[in-house]
Protein backbone atom coordinates (compact mmCIF):
# COMPACT_ATOMS: atom_id res chain seq x y z
CA MET A 1 -5.38 28.03 -25.33
CA THR A 2 -7.45 28.61 -22.26
CA SER A 3 -7.02 30.70 -19.14
CA THR A 4 -10.09 29.42 -17.31
CA TYR A 5 -10.70 25.92 -16.09
CA LYS A 6 -13.76 24.21 -14.66
CA ILE A 7 -13.59 21.47 -12.08
CA PRO A 8 -14.20 18.08 -13.74
CA GLU A 9 -17.60 16.68 -12.87
CA LEU A 10 -16.08 13.46 -11.50
CA LEU A 11 -13.83 15.36 -9.11
CA GLN A 12 -16.69 17.48 -7.80
CA ASP A 13 -18.85 14.39 -7.38
CA LEU A 14 -16.09 12.65 -5.43
CA ILE A 15 -15.61 15.63 -3.13
CA ASP A 16 -19.34 15.67 -2.41
CA TRP A 17 -19.51 11.89 -2.02
CA GLU A 18 -16.70 11.84 0.53
CA GLN A 19 -18.79 14.04 2.79
CA GLU A 20 -21.72 11.63 2.46
CA ILE A 21 -19.86 8.49 3.47
CA LYS A 22 -16.97 9.58 5.71
CA HIS A 23 -18.92 8.67 8.86
CA GLU A 24 -19.24 5.09 7.55
CA VAL A 25 -15.46 4.63 7.26
CA SER A 26 -14.13 6.55 10.23
CA TYR A 27 -10.91 4.51 10.43
CA LEU A 28 -9.79 6.02 7.11
CA GLU A 29 -8.28 9.49 7.15
CA THR A 30 -10.31 10.27 4.03
CA PRO A 31 -12.57 7.86 2.11
CA THR A 32 -10.61 8.20 -1.14
CA GLY A 33 -7.24 8.18 0.59
CA TYR A 34 -6.48 11.67 -0.74
CA PHE A 35 -7.14 15.25 0.27
CA LEU A 36 -9.14 16.47 -2.71
CA GLN A 37 -9.28 20.09 -3.84
CA PHE A 38 -9.61 22.33 -6.85
CA ASP A 39 -8.06 25.74 -7.41
CA PRO A 40 -6.82 26.46 -10.96
CA TYR A 41 -4.11 28.73 -9.55
CA ASP A 42 -2.68 26.04 -7.25
CA HIS A 43 0.04 24.06 -9.00
CA GLY A 44 1.26 22.29 -5.88
CA GLY A 45 3.36 24.96 -4.21
CA TYR A 46 6.85 23.55 -4.80
CA LEU A 47 9.70 24.86 -6.94
CA SER A 48 9.46 21.65 -8.95
CA SER A 49 5.67 21.79 -9.45
CA PRO A 50 5.14 22.35 -13.20
CA ALA A 51 3.85 25.83 -14.02
CA ASP A 52 1.15 24.30 -16.23
CA ALA A 53 -0.18 21.93 -13.57
CA ILE A 54 -3.34 22.15 -11.46
CA VAL A 55 -3.20 20.09 -8.28
CA PHE A 56 -6.35 18.16 -7.36
CA ALA A 57 -5.16 15.72 -4.70
CA ASN A 58 -2.59 15.67 -1.93
CA THR A 59 -1.31 12.62 -0.07
CA GLY A 60 -0.22 14.40 3.10
CA MET A 61 3.18 12.67 2.78
CA GLY A 62 6.43 14.27 1.67
CA GLY A 63 4.71 16.90 -0.43
CA ILE A 64 3.58 14.31 -2.99
CA HIS A 65 0.60 15.56 -4.97
CA TYR A 66 -1.38 14.75 -8.11
CA SER A 67 -2.15 17.28 -10.79
CA PHE A 68 -3.76 17.84 -14.15
CA LEU A 69 -1.15 18.67 -16.80
CA THR A 70 -2.63 21.39 -19.02
CA ASP A 71 0.29 21.59 -21.47
CA PHE A 72 0.36 25.34 -21.14
CA GLY A 73 -3.31 25.86 -21.78
CA GLN A 74 -3.73 23.27 -24.53
CA ALA A 75 -5.94 21.02 -22.37
CA SER A 76 -9.17 22.98 -22.13
CA ASP A 77 -11.17 20.06 -20.68
CA LEU A 78 -9.46 18.89 -17.51
CA SER A 79 -11.43 15.65 -17.48
CA LEU A 80 -9.31 14.66 -20.50
CA ALA A 81 -5.98 16.06 -19.31
CA PRO A 82 -3.16 13.69 -18.36
CA VAL A 83 -2.55 13.21 -14.65
CA ILE A 84 0.92 13.53 -13.13
CA ARG A 85 2.41 12.65 -9.77
CA VAL A 86 4.74 15.30 -8.42
CA ASP A 87 7.21 14.17 -5.77
CA PRO A 88 9.35 17.16 -4.74
CA MET A 89 11.79 14.92 -2.86
CA ASP A 90 12.51 12.58 -5.79
CA PHE A 91 15.13 14.78 -7.41
CA GLY A 92 15.53 14.20 -11.14
CA ASN A 93 12.30 12.22 -11.29
CA TYR A 94 9.91 14.63 -9.65
CA ALA A 95 7.13 14.57 -12.27
CA ARG A 96 5.69 11.43 -13.83
CA ILE A 97 2.64 10.62 -15.95
CA ILE A 98 0.51 8.12 -14.03
CA ALA A 99 -2.85 8.22 -15.85
CA SER A 100 -4.26 9.44 -19.13
CA ASN A 101 -7.16 11.19 -17.38
CA ILE A 102 -8.76 11.65 -13.98
CA ARG A 103 -11.30 8.84 -14.44
CA ASP A 104 -8.50 6.37 -15.00
CA PHE A 105 -6.61 7.80 -12.01
CA PHE A 106 -9.46 7.09 -9.62
CA THR A 107 -10.16 3.75 -11.26
CA LEU A 108 -6.56 2.77 -10.46
CA ALA A 109 -6.95 4.06 -6.90
CA PHE A 110 -10.17 2.17 -6.29
CA SER A 111 -8.79 -0.95 -7.97
CA GLY A 112 -6.15 -1.23 -5.27
CA TYR A 113 -3.19 0.31 -7.10
CA GLU A 114 -2.49 3.12 -4.63
CA GLY A 115 1.11 1.91 -4.33
CA LEU A 116 1.66 2.32 -8.06
CA LEU A 117 0.24 5.82 -7.96
CA LEU A 118 2.49 6.77 -5.05
CA ASN A 119 5.81 5.18 -6.00
CA GLU A 120 8.05 4.56 -8.98
CA PHE A 121 9.08 0.96 -9.77
CA GLU A 122 11.78 -0.27 -12.12
CA SER A 123 9.88 -3.45 -12.96
CA LYS A 124 6.58 -5.19 -12.42
CA GLN A 125 8.28 -7.72 -10.16
CA GLN A 126 9.63 -4.94 -7.96
CA TYR A 127 6.08 -3.63 -7.64
CA LEU A 128 4.71 -7.08 -6.74
CA ASN A 129 7.40 -7.47 -4.08
CA PHE A 130 6.40 -4.08 -2.69
CA VAL A 131 2.74 -5.14 -2.46
CA LYS A 132 3.71 -8.32 -0.60
CA GLU A 133 5.87 -6.40 1.87
CA GLN A 134 3.19 -3.78 2.49
CA THR A 135 0.56 -6.45 3.14
CA GLU A 136 2.80 -8.20 5.66
CA GLU A 137 3.60 -4.93 7.47
CA VAL A 138 -0.06 -3.97 7.79
CA ASN A 139 -1.09 -7.38 9.09
CA GLN A 140 1.75 -7.56 11.62
CA SER A 141 1.44 -4.08 13.10
CA GLU A 142 0.57 -3.86 16.80
CA TYR A 143 -0.65 -0.29 16.57
CA PHE A 144 -2.72 -0.53 13.41
CA ASP A 145 -5.93 -2.47 12.90
CA GLY A 146 -5.17 -3.94 9.51
CA LYS A 147 -8.39 -5.94 9.31
CA ARG A 148 -10.58 -2.91 10.00
CA TRP A 149 -8.57 -0.82 7.53
CA ASP A 150 -8.95 -3.45 4.81
CA LEU A 151 -12.66 -3.79 5.52
CA GLU A 152 -13.30 -0.06 5.21
CA LYS A 153 -11.04 0.31 2.15
CA ASN A 154 -12.88 -2.51 0.40
CA LYS A 155 -16.21 -0.95 1.30
CA VAL A 156 -15.15 2.38 -0.23
CA ARG A 157 -13.86 0.66 -3.35
CA ASP A 158 -17.07 -1.27 -3.90
CA LEU A 159 -19.25 1.79 -3.34
CA ALA A 160 -17.11 4.03 -5.55
CA MET A 161 -16.83 1.60 -8.45
CA GLN A 162 -20.61 1.22 -8.50
CA ARG A 163 -21.49 4.88 -7.81
CA PHE A 164 -19.19 6.29 -10.50
CA ASP A 165 -19.44 3.40 -12.96
CA LEU A 166 -15.72 2.66 -12.89
CA GLN A 167 -14.54 -0.48 -14.65
CA PRO A 168 -11.69 -2.34 -12.90
CA ILE A 169 -8.23 -2.15 -14.48
CA PRO A 170 -6.80 -5.69 -14.36
CA ASP A 171 -3.11 -4.76 -14.65
CA GLY A 172 -2.28 -1.36 -13.17
CA TYR A 173 1.44 -1.59 -13.89
CA SER A 174 0.88 -2.23 -17.60
CA TYR A 175 -1.74 0.50 -17.72
CA ILE A 176 0.69 3.14 -16.45
CA GLN A 177 3.39 2.02 -18.88
CA GLU A 178 0.88 2.34 -21.72
CA ALA A 179 -0.24 5.79 -20.52
CA ARG A 180 3.37 6.93 -20.66
CA HIS A 181 3.78 5.43 -24.13
CA ILE A 182 0.73 7.35 -25.31
CA ARG A 183 2.18 10.54 -23.82
CA ARG A 184 5.53 10.00 -25.55
CA SER A 185 3.75 9.60 -28.89
CA LYS A 186 2.37 13.13 -28.49
CA VAL A 187 5.64 14.76 -27.45
CA ILE A 188 7.45 16.87 -30.04
CA ILE A 189 10.34 17.94 -27.79
CA ASP A 190 11.78 15.89 -24.94
CA THR A 191 12.48 17.65 -21.66
CA LEU A 192 14.48 16.65 -18.60
CA ASP A 193 11.39 16.22 -16.44
CA GLY A 194 10.13 13.45 -18.69
CA LEU A 195 6.93 15.34 -19.53
CA GLY A 196 8.08 16.91 -22.79
CA VAL A 197 6.33 19.50 -24.89
CA ALA A 198 3.25 17.93 -26.44
CA LEU A 199 1.96 18.76 -29.88
CA GLY A 200 -0.84 21.27 -29.61
CA LYS A 201 -2.91 23.35 -31.98
CA GLY A 202 -0.84 26.21 -33.34
CA LEU A 203 2.48 25.12 -31.82
CA VAL A 204 4.00 23.69 -35.00
CA SER A 205 2.61 23.84 -38.53
CA ASP A 206 2.87 20.96 -40.98
CA HIS A 207 5.99 22.36 -42.65
CA GLN A 208 7.76 23.37 -39.46
CA LYS A 209 10.11 21.38 -37.28
CA ALA A 210 9.87 21.71 -33.52
CA VAL A 211 13.01 23.40 -32.21
CA PRO A 212 14.00 23.27 -28.53
CA HIS A 213 15.85 26.01 -26.69
CA PRO A 214 19.63 26.36 -27.34
CA TRP A 215 20.59 24.69 -24.04
CA HIS A 216 18.55 21.56 -24.73
CA LYS A 217 20.15 18.48 -23.10
CA LYS A 218 22.76 20.74 -21.46
CA GLU A 219 23.07 22.33 -18.05
CA ILE A 220 21.40 25.72 -18.15
CA PRO A 221 24.18 28.19 -17.24
CA TYR A 222 23.90 30.87 -14.60
CA ASP A 223 26.72 32.86 -16.25
CA GLN A 224 24.74 33.37 -19.49
CA GLU A 225 21.86 35.37 -18.06
CA GLN A 226 21.86 37.93 -20.87
CA GLN A 227 21.91 35.25 -23.57
CA LEU A 228 19.05 33.44 -21.84
CA LYS A 229 16.97 36.61 -21.51
CA SER A 230 17.68 37.58 -25.12
CA TYR A 231 16.53 34.16 -26.32
CA ILE A 232 13.42 34.21 -24.15
CA SER A 233 12.33 37.64 -25.42
CA SER A 234 11.78 36.24 -28.91
CA ALA A 235 11.32 32.53 -28.20
CA ASP A 236 8.44 30.70 -29.83
CA GLN A 237 6.12 28.68 -27.64
CA VAL A 238 7.87 25.34 -28.15
CA GLY A 239 11.25 26.79 -27.23
CA LEU A 240 9.90 28.66 -24.22
CA PHE A 241 7.91 25.71 -22.87
CA SER A 242 10.89 23.37 -23.22
CA LEU A 243 13.15 25.87 -21.44
CA ILE A 244 10.68 26.24 -18.58
CA ARG A 245 10.41 22.47 -18.13
CA ASP A 246 14.19 21.98 -18.25
CA SER A 247 14.79 24.89 -15.87
CA GLN A 248 12.43 23.45 -13.29
CA ALA A 249 13.86 19.94 -13.73
CA GLN A 250 17.42 21.19 -13.18
CA GLY A 251 16.51 23.37 -10.24
CA PHE A 252 17.81 26.37 -12.18
CA ASP A 253 16.51 29.38 -10.32
CA ASP A 254 17.85 32.68 -11.63
CA PRO A 255 15.08 35.17 -10.68
CA ASP A 256 15.77 37.54 -13.58
CA VAL A 257 15.57 34.71 -16.09
CA TYR A 258 12.32 33.53 -14.53
CA ARG A 259 10.90 37.04 -14.76
CA ALA A 260 11.77 37.03 -18.45
CA MET A 261 10.00 33.67 -18.88
CA LYS A 262 7.02 35.04 -16.97
CA ASP A 263 6.77 38.05 -19.28
CA ARG A 264 7.01 35.84 -22.36
CA LEU A 265 4.25 33.56 -21.04
CA ILE A 266 2.04 36.60 -20.53
CA SER A 267 2.71 37.68 -24.12
CA PHE A 268 1.27 34.32 -25.20
CA GLY A 269 -1.85 34.88 -23.09
CA LEU A 270 -0.73 32.53 -20.32
CA ALA A 271 -1.04 34.80 -17.28
CA MET A 272 -2.14 31.94 -15.02
CA GLU A 273 0.90 29.85 -15.86
CA ALA A 274 3.12 32.94 -15.45
CA GLN A 275 1.77 33.51 -11.96
CA LYS A 276 2.37 29.89 -10.97
CA LEU A 277 5.90 29.93 -12.41
CA MET A 278 6.74 32.83 -10.09
CA TYR A 279 5.08 31.33 -7.01
CA TYR A 280 8.25 31.13 -4.90
CA ARG A 281 10.40 33.61 -6.79
């Protein structure tokens, strides 16, 4: 596991590139459409932001942000880490895998799939209907210059695809479904947030079976604080990680239980994740 993370080269290059071209596309709030950043200790700032996430882009809308999922330190190279969308207002569905890595994330963005990255759709047809409606709204607005916006967006896309050698993704909807399938194939314990606990080096040996926490698929009870703390004090990593994910997904927020989870994370050498878990507690 790792406790230090370096900014992916592509992200740093994009941050620098935005400064170079922003004067050429002044109608856009930002050239990429996102507020880019990098601070390994910033997980997004919401109670629902996974403790093992590192935010790299904000939308400026409803708290929605995009983060690297480190799987509690297992992903040492953030350029290869899965990317999640965190939507604090979408209760029960607040965290979703949207790309297998940051290169694919920006390829989707520059291929015109911003809507897919921002929203959840039950079907491909629902997504296509959304695209049609959005196009009509932009073109019919009296207060928004849709033609200028399209022109500058297309300019950014063309420049970015060439500058960063990004290959267009022909079907963004299918890509995201496949990225989630790949994620599921790596998960050894399902969790309520849909992210699961992924198989990592040292988590489970060949002869062991992954075991979730005792309240798996149940509502975590506030009236069993002592039982929870007792379990946490000796929990293995798989059990602890699954309990943390389920606690955040349920909105369970007993401060003493969270302090126990923090201490157990520290015992596993995960001080950064412990700090982020306690951000608002």
